[in-house]
Each structure stands twice: as structure tokens, then as C-alpha cells.
Amino acid sequence: MRVLIIGAGILGASTAYHLVRKGVEVEIVDEAHQGKATLAGAGIVCPWATKADDPDWYRMYAEGARYYDTLIDGLRERGETSLGYGKVGALVVAEDKAELDAAEERIARRIKDAPEAGAVRRISPAEAHGLFPPLRRDLEAIHIPGGARVDARLLAAAMLRVAVSMGAKLRSDHVTLGLKDGRAECLDNEGGPIPADEIIVTAGAWASQILAPLGLLHPVAPQKGQIIHLRLPGVATAAWPVVLPMGSHYMLAFDDSRVVIGATREDNSGFDYRVTAAGEFEVLGAGLKIAPGLAAATHIETRVGFRPAARTIKPILGRVPDIGNLILGNGLGASGLTVGPFAGRQLARVATGGTTDVPLEGYAPAGRQPT
């Protein structure tokens, strides 16, 4: 069996990794687009704090977090140590006590079935400040020990290295899709066919362009995110927890005295790969309001990424109706770094006829439009 994967972000890399472990022949084709979500993203793995309450989506989100321990152990067994992953814990904070109370109740309800979240407890402003020193000194917090952060660039690269070491082929190319005898066919940039029994499209925000020639109106569009990286020279930040305020912004720290504040959520942006004054203002303003101790940090860079945003919160996973050899994985949006590795495992099972860990009927792609 030969599987072609189009797109080597976190989802495509995971799909390839899981397929080669099953002994499947895999080829991964990727194109060097600016603004790939995986290359820009700094991930937070802490589903228990989300306000979103769609039960099917939340199950996928929670399973994604639960799967990380298995994934990381498997990669380390293959000699991968540069993963950008750390179970550093998370602090949920709010300026309004009622909001924090509501969050505490929501988290307590969810962790009953999630021992991986750890011993969650409410902590004082002094304790919260001790865990994340730039934090405002008047903010209580809910401490979730099982929360983690991940560098998407490093994790995806590690999964691809393992896949290649086990026989997968990886190349950069601009490919197109067409139909031949009712099946999807992939052509390389010179128009030559790339043989495959199954084609899996995990091309993120660019998938709609790739799928259009097949008559598929793929409901995923780029959502622009600007994410700011700061450095606190000489400060040991590696063990600092993730900080989750009540809004859409967040903070996390990495091993090299780096603190990340993210991120804008800009719909209808197209592929506008620019750092904007408004984006910088929004992200820095939100970050410094909660963590004023970052005011003297050095600005390193602002990354821009395009999340593949679907029309609903649910991702799109599974076989395309009426095109028997085509499988889609997309629409993960802001949850991509939590869900991506687990979703890749599900796509690998779909491709090989296996049983998925969670039912995928509610995530099924739409078929071709009538002509």
C-alpha cells in the first residue's frame, strides 16, 4: 500500500509518522509557503480550561491532550529529544472573580475523567506570581499541573525525521489534483502523476486551493495570527507555566529565556503575510495587562501564521464521499497543536481500514458539488 500525504504541518507529519509505524509506504509532499500555521505556532496543551462546550469537539480536544504522553514517549524511544514539549503546568487567571469561579467549576467537572490534568487547585496571587514572575501580583489563579506547552516546529520536524528514518520519502513540490476514473490523481509540478493508493490532504489553509479542481468547495479559510516572541536575558524561563487569561490571548515560555504572547485571530485576512501595527498593539497590550513584568523584555520577532479555520469549531477528518481514495484532515484552527498529533493517528487508521479511537462521522468532509 502506498499513501501520498500533501502537507507536512503538525497534522501531516503525525499522519506520516503513524502510517510508517504500520509498515505503509509513505510519500510526503510539501510546498514552502510563508505563514504555515505549524511554523508560527507555539502550542498550549490544556483542553480542560476551554470555554467551548460542543461535546463531540471537546472529546476530540481532550483525547488530543491525553495522547501526548504516548506520542512523546514513542518519539523519545526513536532517539528524538528536541521536541519543544514540556509539561510545565498552566495558570488560568481572570481579573473578575466570578469568571474565575466559573472557570474553576468548569475545570473541576472536566478533570473527573482526566487524571492527566493532575491535582488542580486554586492558588493565591503570591503563589501564582512565584510560578510566573512577570504576572500581576493581584491575580488569583487555577493551577493545572498537567498543562503543557509545545514548539510546533520542533515537534513536527521530529515526527518527520522518524518517518523518513523508517522509509518515508519527503520532498518539496507544487502539486495539483485531478480526477481520473472517479479517483483522485496527484500530478507533480511537471504534470507527471505521483502514484498512490490513497491520497491524504493535510495542507492547512491552502487545502481549498488544492481541492478546488476536484469540484470540492472546502469550507476552510486562512485565519491570520500574529504571535510575539520576547526574551528576558539571563532569566531561566523553562519551567514557567502557561498562562491562560479569560480572553483569546495567552502566554508561554520556552527554554531559551523566551516568552511568547499570542495571538491575533484575524478572519477575512487572506494570505497577508505582514506584521501590522494593530496586531502588535493588540497582542502586547493584552500580554502586558496581565504580565506587566514583561515590559522590559527584548522583542525578538513576531511570527505570522495562517490557521486553517473551518466554519464550525469541529475539524474536518475522514474520507471524501464519491472519491474513494481521497482523505482530508483540516479545519483544526486554534486547537491544531493539541488535536493535530491525535488526529493524524486517526487519519492513518482511516487510510489503513482500521478503527478510529473516536467516531469520525461528525467530522466527515463534504462531497463534490453538483455541476
Protein backbone atom coordinates (compact mmCIF):
# COMPACT_ATOMS: atom_id res chain seq x y z
CA MET A 1 0.00 0.00 0.00
CA ARG A 2 1.29 3.44 -0.95
CA VAL A 3 -0.03 6.63 0.65
CA LEU A 4 0.68 10.17 -0.54
CA ILE A 5 0.33 12.97 2.03
CA ILE A 6 0.04 16.54 0.79
CA GLY A 7 1.12 18.95 3.54
CA ALA A 8 3.75 18.43 6.24
CA GLY A 9 2.45 20.51 9.10
CA ILE A 10 1.66 19.04 12.51
CA LEU A 11 -1.26 17.00 11.12
CA GLY A 12 0.51 15.71 8.01
CA ALA A 13 3.67 14.90 9.97
CA SER A 14 1.66 12.93 12.52
CA THR A 15 -0.21 11.05 9.80
CA ALA A 16 3.07 10.07 8.15
CA TYR A 17 4.61 9.05 11.48
CA HIS A 18 1.70 6.78 12.33
CA LEU A 19 1.48 5.24 8.86
CA VAL A 20 5.15 4.26 8.65
CA ARG A 21 4.86 2.62 12.06
CA LYS A 22 2.23 0.39 10.43
CA GLY A 23 4.64 -0.54 7.64
CA VAL A 24 2.91 1.57 4.98
CA GLU A 25 4.89 3.09 2.10
CA VAL A 26 4.57 6.86 2.50
CA GLU A 27 5.49 9.90 0.45
CA ILE A 28 5.03 13.40 1.87
CA VAL A 29 4.89 16.39 -0.46
CA ASP A 30 5.09 19.89 0.93
CA GLU A 31 5.45 23.38 -0.50
CA ALA A 32 7.42 26.20 1.13
CA HIS A 33 4.58 28.62 1.85
CA GLN A 34 5.12 31.61 4.11
CA GLY A 35 2.87 31.59 7.14
CA LYS A 36 2.34 27.90 7.74
CA ALA A 37 0.46 27.58 11.00
CA THR A 38 2.81 24.89 12.32
CA LEU A 39 5.88 27.06 11.75
CA ALA A 40 4.37 30.04 13.56
CA GLY A 41 2.53 28.29 16.35
CA ALA A 42 3.52 27.93 19.97
CA GLY A 43 1.14 25.37 21.31
CA ILE A 44 -0.71 25.02 24.58
CA VAL A 45 -1.98 21.60 25.58
CA CYS A 46 -4.62 22.29 28.22
CA PRO A 47 -8.12 21.44 26.99
CA TRP A 48 -9.80 21.41 30.41
CA ALA A 49 -9.90 25.22 30.64
CA THR A 50 -11.62 25.94 27.33
CA LYS A 51 -14.98 27.71 27.33
CA ALA A 52 -16.10 25.82 24.22
CA ASP A 53 -18.73 23.25 25.12
CA ASP A 54 -19.56 21.29 21.97
CA PRO A 55 -19.37 17.74 23.42
CA ASP A 56 -18.06 15.99 20.29
CA TRP A 57 -15.41 18.62 19.70
CA TYR A 58 -14.40 18.65 23.35
CA ARG A 59 -13.94 14.88 23.32
CA MET A 60 -11.53 15.21 20.39
CA TYR A 61 -9.74 18.08 22.15
CA ALA A 62 -9.38 16.16 25.41
CA GLU A 63 -8.23 12.98 23.66
CA GLY A 64 -5.62 15.05 21.84
CA ALA A 65 -4.14 16.16 25.13
CA ARG A 66 -4.30 12.66 26.61
CA TYR A 67 -2.42 11.22 23.64
CA TYR A 68 0.61 13.47 24.07
CA ASP A 69 2.30 11.27 26.68
CA THR A 70 2.15 8.28 24.31
CA LEU A 71 3.40 10.37 21.39
CA ILE A 72 6.33 11.87 23.28
CA ASP A 73 7.37 8.52 24.70
CA GLY A 74 7.30 6.98 21.22
CA LEU A 75 9.43 9.73 19.73
CA ARG A 76 11.97 9.53 22.53
CA GLU A 77 12.24 5.78 22.01
CA ARG A 78 13.28 6.59 18.44
CA GLY A 79 16.04 8.91 19.71
CA GLU A 80 14.19 12.21 19.35
CA THR A 81 14.91 14.62 22.19
CA SER A 82 14.43 18.06 20.60
CA LEU A 83 10.65 18.18 20.80
CA GLY A 84 9.89 21.58 22.33
CA TYR A 85 7.48 19.84 24.69
CA GLY A 86 7.24 20.41 28.42
CA LYS A 87 4.57 19.54 30.96
CA VAL A 88 5.09 22.79 32.84
CA GLY A 89 1.55 23.27 34.12
CA ALA A 90 -0.92 26.04 33.38
CA LEU A 91 -2.31 29.02 35.24
CA VAL A 92 -5.88 30.09 34.46
CA VAL A 93 -6.28 33.71 35.53
CA ALA A 94 -9.08 36.27 35.47
CA GLU A 95 -9.49 39.86 36.59
CA ASP A 96 -13.10 39.14 37.52
CA LYS A 97 -13.62 36.77 40.48
CA ALA A 98 -16.91 35.49 39.09
CA GLU A 99 -15.19 34.47 35.86
CA LEU A 100 -12.51 32.61 37.78
CA ASP A 101 -15.18 30.89 39.89
CA ALA A 102 -16.97 29.76 36.73
CA ALA A 103 -13.71 28.51 35.25
CA GLU A 104 -12.94 26.59 38.42
CA GLU A 105 -16.33 24.86 38.30
CA ARG A 106 -15.91 24.02 34.60
CA ILE A 107 -12.42 22.61 35.08
CA ALA A 108 -13.43 20.59 38.15
CA ARG A 109 -16.24 18.96 36.16
CA ARG A 110 -13.95 18.02 33.29
CA ILE A 111 -10.98 16.65 35.21
CA LYS A 112 -13.09 13.96 36.85
CA ASP A 113 -12.34 11.88 33.76
CA ALA A 114 -8.87 13.31 33.10
CA PRO A 115 -6.27 12.18 35.64
CA GLU A 116 -3.59 13.51 33.29
CA ALA A 117 -4.63 17.04 34.33
CA GLY A 118 -3.08 16.45 37.75
CA ALA A 119 -4.15 17.80 41.14
CA VAL A 120 -5.85 21.03 40.13
CA ARG A 121 -6.20 23.70 42.80
CA ARG A 122 -6.83 27.39 43.28
CA ILE A 123 -3.75 29.31 44.35
CA SER A 124 -3.08 32.73 45.81
CA PRO A 125 -1.75 35.73 43.88
CA ALA A 126 1.60 35.32 45.64
CA GLU A 127 1.91 31.68 44.60
CA ALA A 128 0.85 32.44 41.04
CA HIS A 129 3.41 35.24 40.82
CA GLY A 130 6.07 32.89 42.14
CA LEU A 131 5.36 30.42 39.34
CA PHE A 132 5.25 33.07 36.60
CA PRO A 133 7.22 36.08 37.93
CA PRO A 134 6.11 38.68 35.32
CA LEU A 135 2.46 38.13 36.33
CA ARG A 136 0.47 40.85 38.06
CA ARG A 137 0.66 40.50 41.82
CA ASP A 138 -3.09 40.73 42.43
CA LEU A 139 -4.27 37.80 40.32
CA GLU A 140 -5.50 34.56 41.81
CA ALA A 141 -5.13 31.55 39.57
CA ILE A 142 -6.22 27.99 39.00
CA HIS A 143 -3.15 25.80 38.72
CA ILE A 144 -3.43 22.80 36.36
CA PRO A 145 -0.23 20.71 36.73
CA GLY A 146 -0.94 18.64 33.59
CA GLY A 147 -0.94 21.63 31.26
CA ALA A 148 1.88 21.63 28.71
CA ARG A 149 3.48 23.73 26.01
CA VAL A 150 4.92 22.61 22.70
CA ASP A 151 7.01 24.15 19.94
CA ALA A 152 5.19 23.05 16.80
CA ARG A 153 8.22 23.46 14.54
CA LEU A 154 10.29 21.08 16.61
CA LEU A 155 7.58 18.51 17.17
CA ALA A 156 6.53 18.28 13.52
CA ALA A 157 10.18 18.07 12.43
CA ALA A 158 10.80 15.22 14.88
CA MET A 159 7.83 13.21 13.58
CA LEU A 160 9.00 13.74 10.00
CA ARG A 161 12.56 12.66 10.88
CA VAL A 162 11.26 9.44 12.38
CA ALA A 163 9.02 8.82 9.37
CA VAL A 164 11.91 9.35 6.95
CA SER A 165 14.24 7.17 9.03
CA MET A 166 11.66 4.40 8.69
CA GLY A 167 11.44 4.71 4.92
CA ALA A 168 9.08 7.60 4.12
CA LYS A 169 10.01 9.96 1.29
CA LEU A 170 9.79 13.72 1.82
CA ARG A 171 10.11 16.31 -0.91
CA SER A 172 9.18 19.86 -1.73
CA ASP A 173 6.97 20.28 -4.77
CA HIS A 174 3.96 22.15 -6.10
CA VAL A 175 1.32 19.53 -6.83
CA THR A 176 -2.17 19.59 -8.30
CA LEU A 177 -5.08 17.23 -8.01
CA GLY A 178 -7.40 15.96 -10.70
CA LEU A 179 -9.96 13.22 -11.24
CA LYS A 180 -9.29 10.10 -13.27
CA ASP A 181 -11.87 7.33 -13.48
CA GLY A 182 -13.59 8.62 -10.34
CA ARG A 183 -10.43 8.65 -8.26
CA ALA A 184 -8.14 11.48 -7.21
CA GLU A 185 -4.85 11.72 -9.08
CA CYS A 186 -1.91 13.85 -7.99
CA LEU A 187 0.37 15.50 -10.53
CA ASP A 188 3.79 16.95 -9.77
CA ASN A 189 4.95 20.37 -10.94
CA GLU A 190 5.87 18.98 -14.35
CA GLY A 191 2.48 17.33 -14.83
CA GLY A 192 3.65 13.81 -14.12
CA PRO A 193 1.45 11.54 -11.98
CA ILE A 194 2.56 10.61 -8.47
CA PRO A 195 1.39 7.05 -7.85
CA ALA A 196 -0.66 6.44 -4.71
CA ASP A 197 -3.34 4.07 -3.48
CA GLU A 198 -4.57 6.70 -1.03
CA ILE A 199 -4.15 10.49 -1.06
CA ILE A 200 -4.40 12.40 2.21
CA VAL A 201 -4.65 16.19 2.02
CA THR A 202 -3.42 17.92 5.19
CA ALA A 203 -2.48 21.20 3.54
CA GLY A 204 -3.92 23.58 6.13
CA ALA A 205 -5.09 26.96 4.93
CA TRP A 206 -4.03 26.11 1.36
CA ALA A 207 -6.18 22.98 1.07
CA SER A 208 -9.12 24.80 -0.52
CA GLN A 209 -6.94 25.78 -3.49
CA ILE A 210 -5.67 22.21 -3.89
CA LEU A 211 -9.14 20.66 -3.70
CA ALA A 212 -10.98 23.11 -5.96
CA PRO A 213 -10.10 21.30 -9.26
CA LEU A 214 -11.95 18.25 -7.90
CA GLY A 215 -15.19 20.21 -7.56
CA LEU A 216 -14.86 20.40 -3.78
CA LEU A 217 -15.87 23.62 -2.06
CA HIS A 218 -13.75 23.11 1.02
CA PRO A 219 -15.06 25.31 3.88
CA VAL A 220 -11.69 26.30 5.31
CA ALA A 221 -10.12 29.76 5.08
CA PRO A 222 -6.93 31.29 6.47
CA GLN A 223 -7.22 32.99 9.84
CA LYS A 224 -4.20 35.19 10.39
CA GLY A 225 -2.40 35.05 13.71
CA GLN A 226 0.39 37.36 14.84
CA ILE A 227 2.39 35.99 17.77
CA ILE A 228 5.12 37.90 19.60
CA HIS A 229 8.35 36.42 20.94
CA LEU A 230 10.22 38.20 23.74
CA ARG A 231 13.43 37.43 25.59
CA LEU A 232 14.34 38.03 29.23
CA PRO A 233 18.14 37.84 29.09
CA GLY A 234 19.64 35.67 31.80
CA VAL A 235 16.26 34.57 33.18
CA ALA A 236 15.55 30.84 33.48
CA THR A 237 12.08 30.53 31.95
CA ALA A 238 11.99 26.83 31.02
CA ALA A 239 9.80 25.76 33.95
CA TRP A 240 7.34 28.65 33.82
CA PRO A 241 3.74 27.53 33.35
CA VAL A 242 1.45 28.50 30.52
CA VAL A 243 -0.77 31.48 31.36
CA LEU A 244 -4.39 31.40 30.19
CA PRO A 245 -6.42 34.57 30.77
CA MET A 246 -10.14 34.51 30.07
CA GLY A 247 -9.83 36.01 26.57
CA SER A 248 -8.24 34.58 23.43
CA HIS A 249 -4.68 35.63 24.28
CA TYR A 250 -2.14 33.55 26.16
CA MET A 251 1.48 33.37 27.30
CA LEU A 252 4.01 30.58 27.46
CA ALA A 253 7.75 30.28 27.99
CA PHE A 254 10.49 28.16 26.45
CA ASP A 255 13.98 27.03 27.38
CA ASP A 256 15.98 29.94 25.95
CA SER A 257 14.71 32.77 28.16
CA ARG A 258 11.92 33.19 25.62
CA VAL A 259 8.36 34.21 26.42
CA VAL A 260 5.65 34.08 23.78
CA ILE A 261 2.47 36.17 23.74
CA GLY A 262 -0.25 35.26 21.31
CA ALA A 263 -2.14 35.81 19.23
CA THR A 264 -4.45 37.73 16.95
CA ARG A 265 -7.37 35.96 15.25
CA GLU A 266 -7.86 37.83 12.02
CA ASP A 267 -10.61 36.50 9.78
CA ASN A 268 -11.01 37.53 6.14
CA SER A 269 -7.29 38.31 6.05
CA GLY A 270 -6.38 36.23 3.02
CA PHE A 271 -2.69 35.38 2.94
CA ASP A 272 -1.49 38.80 4.06
CA TYR A 273 1.91 37.89 5.48
CA ARG A 274 2.68 41.18 7.24
CA VAL A 275 3.27 42.16 10.81
CA THR A 276 0.94 45.08 11.43
CA ALA A 277 0.93 47.90 13.95
CA ALA A 278 -2.57 46.95 15.06
CA GLY A 279 -1.56 43.33 15.56
CA GLU A 280 1.50 44.26 17.63
CA PHE A 281 -0.58 46.68 19.70
CA GLU A 282 -3.31 44.12 20.38
CA VAL A 283 -1.01 41.30 21.43
CA LEU A 284 1.41 43.37 23.50
CA GLY A 285 -1.44 45.23 25.15
CA ALA A 286 -3.18 42.02 26.16
CA GLY A 287 0.04 40.46 27.40
CA LEU A 288 1.33 43.40 29.42
CA LYS A 289 -2.05 43.94 31.04
CA ILE A 290 -1.75 40.50 32.66
CA ALA A 291 2.04 40.28 32.95
CA PRO A 292 3.48 43.81 33.32
CA GLY A 293 6.81 42.29 34.29
CA LEU A 294 7.42 41.64 30.60
CA ALA A 295 7.59 45.36 29.81
CA ALA A 296 11.40 45.41 29.82
CA ALA A 297 11.77 42.23 27.76
CA THR A 298 13.57 42.33 24.41
CA HIS A 299 11.41 41.91 21.34
CA ILE A 300 12.92 39.07 19.26
CA GLU A 301 10.40 38.56 16.49
CA THR A 302 6.76 38.49 15.55
CA ARG A 303 5.68 35.40 13.67
CA VAL A 304 2.72 35.28 11.32
CA GLY A 305 0.75 32.11 10.67
CA PHE A 306 -2.48 31.23 8.91
CA ARG A 307 -4.69 28.88 10.90
CA PRO A 308 -6.96 26.66 8.80
CA ALA A 309 -10.28 27.89 10.16
CA ALA A 310 -13.46 25.97 9.34
CA ARG A 311 -16.99 27.38 9.58
CA THR A 312 -17.61 25.47 12.79
CA ILE A 313 -15.39 24.59 15.70
CA LYS A 314 -15.19 20.96 14.58
CA PRO A 315 -12.26 19.82 12.41
CA ILE A 316 -12.78 18.04 9.10
CA LEU A 317 -11.48 14.46 9.17
CA GLY A 318 -12.20 11.45 7.01
CA ARG A 319 -12.92 10.15 3.52
CA VAL A 320 -14.44 12.37 0.85
CA PRO A 321 -17.74 10.94 -0.43
CA ASP A 322 -17.68 9.68 -4.03
CA ILE A 323 -13.87 9.90 -4.29
CA GLY A 324 -12.80 6.61 -2.80
CA ASN A 325 -9.08 7.24 -2.43
CA LEU A 326 -9.19 10.78 -1.01
CA ILE A 327 -8.96 11.56 2.71
CA LEU A 328 -8.99 15.03 4.27
CA GLY A 329 -7.62 16.38 7.51
CA ASN A 330 -8.20 20.08 8.08
CA GLY A 331 -10.02 22.83 9.93
CA LEU A 332 -8.24 22.37 13.26
CA GLY A 333 -7.99 26.13 13.73
CA ALA A 334 -6.59 27.31 17.05
CA SER A 335 -6.81 23.79 18.50
CA GLY A 336 -4.38 22.34 15.95
CA LEU A 337 -1.40 21.80 18.21
CA THR A 338 -3.48 19.98 20.80
CA VAL A 339 -5.53 17.91 18.36
CA GLY A 340 -3.07 17.53 15.47
CA PRO A 341 -1.00 14.53 16.62
CA PHE A 342 -4.08 12.58 17.74
CA ALA A 343 -5.98 13.48 14.57
CA GLY A 344 -3.04 12.27 12.47
CA ARG A 345 -3.29 8.91 14.18
CA GLN A 346 -6.98 8.77 13.23
CA LEU A 347 -6.25 9.58 9.58
CA ALA A 348 -3.66 6.81 9.48
CA ARG A 349 -6.29 4.39 10.74
CA VAL A 350 -8.82 5.59 8.15
CA ALA A 351 -6.27 5.05 5.37
CA THR A 352 -5.47 1.52 6.50
CA GLY A 353 -9.04 0.48 7.24
CA GLY A 354 -8.60 0.47 10.99
CA THR A 355 -11.00 1.50 13.74
CA THR A 356 -10.56 5.07 14.95
CA ASP A 357 -10.23 5.93 18.63
CA VAL A 358 -13.25 8.24 18.42
CA PRO A 359 -16.13 8.18 15.92
CA LEU A 360 -15.42 10.46 12.96
CA GLU A 361 -18.90 10.62 11.43
CA GLY A 362 -19.46 14.10 12.86
CA TYR A 363 -16.26 15.35 11.22
CA ALA A 364 -16.83 13.96 7.72
CA PRO A 365 -15.86 16.10 4.70
CA ALA A 366 -18.50 17.26 2.21
CA GLY A 367 -18.65 15.69 -1.21
CA ARG A 368 -18.38 17.21 -4.67
CA GLN A 369 -20.77 19.94 -5.70
CA PRO A 370 -23.32 19.08 -8.42
CA THR A 371 -22.46 20.53 -11.81
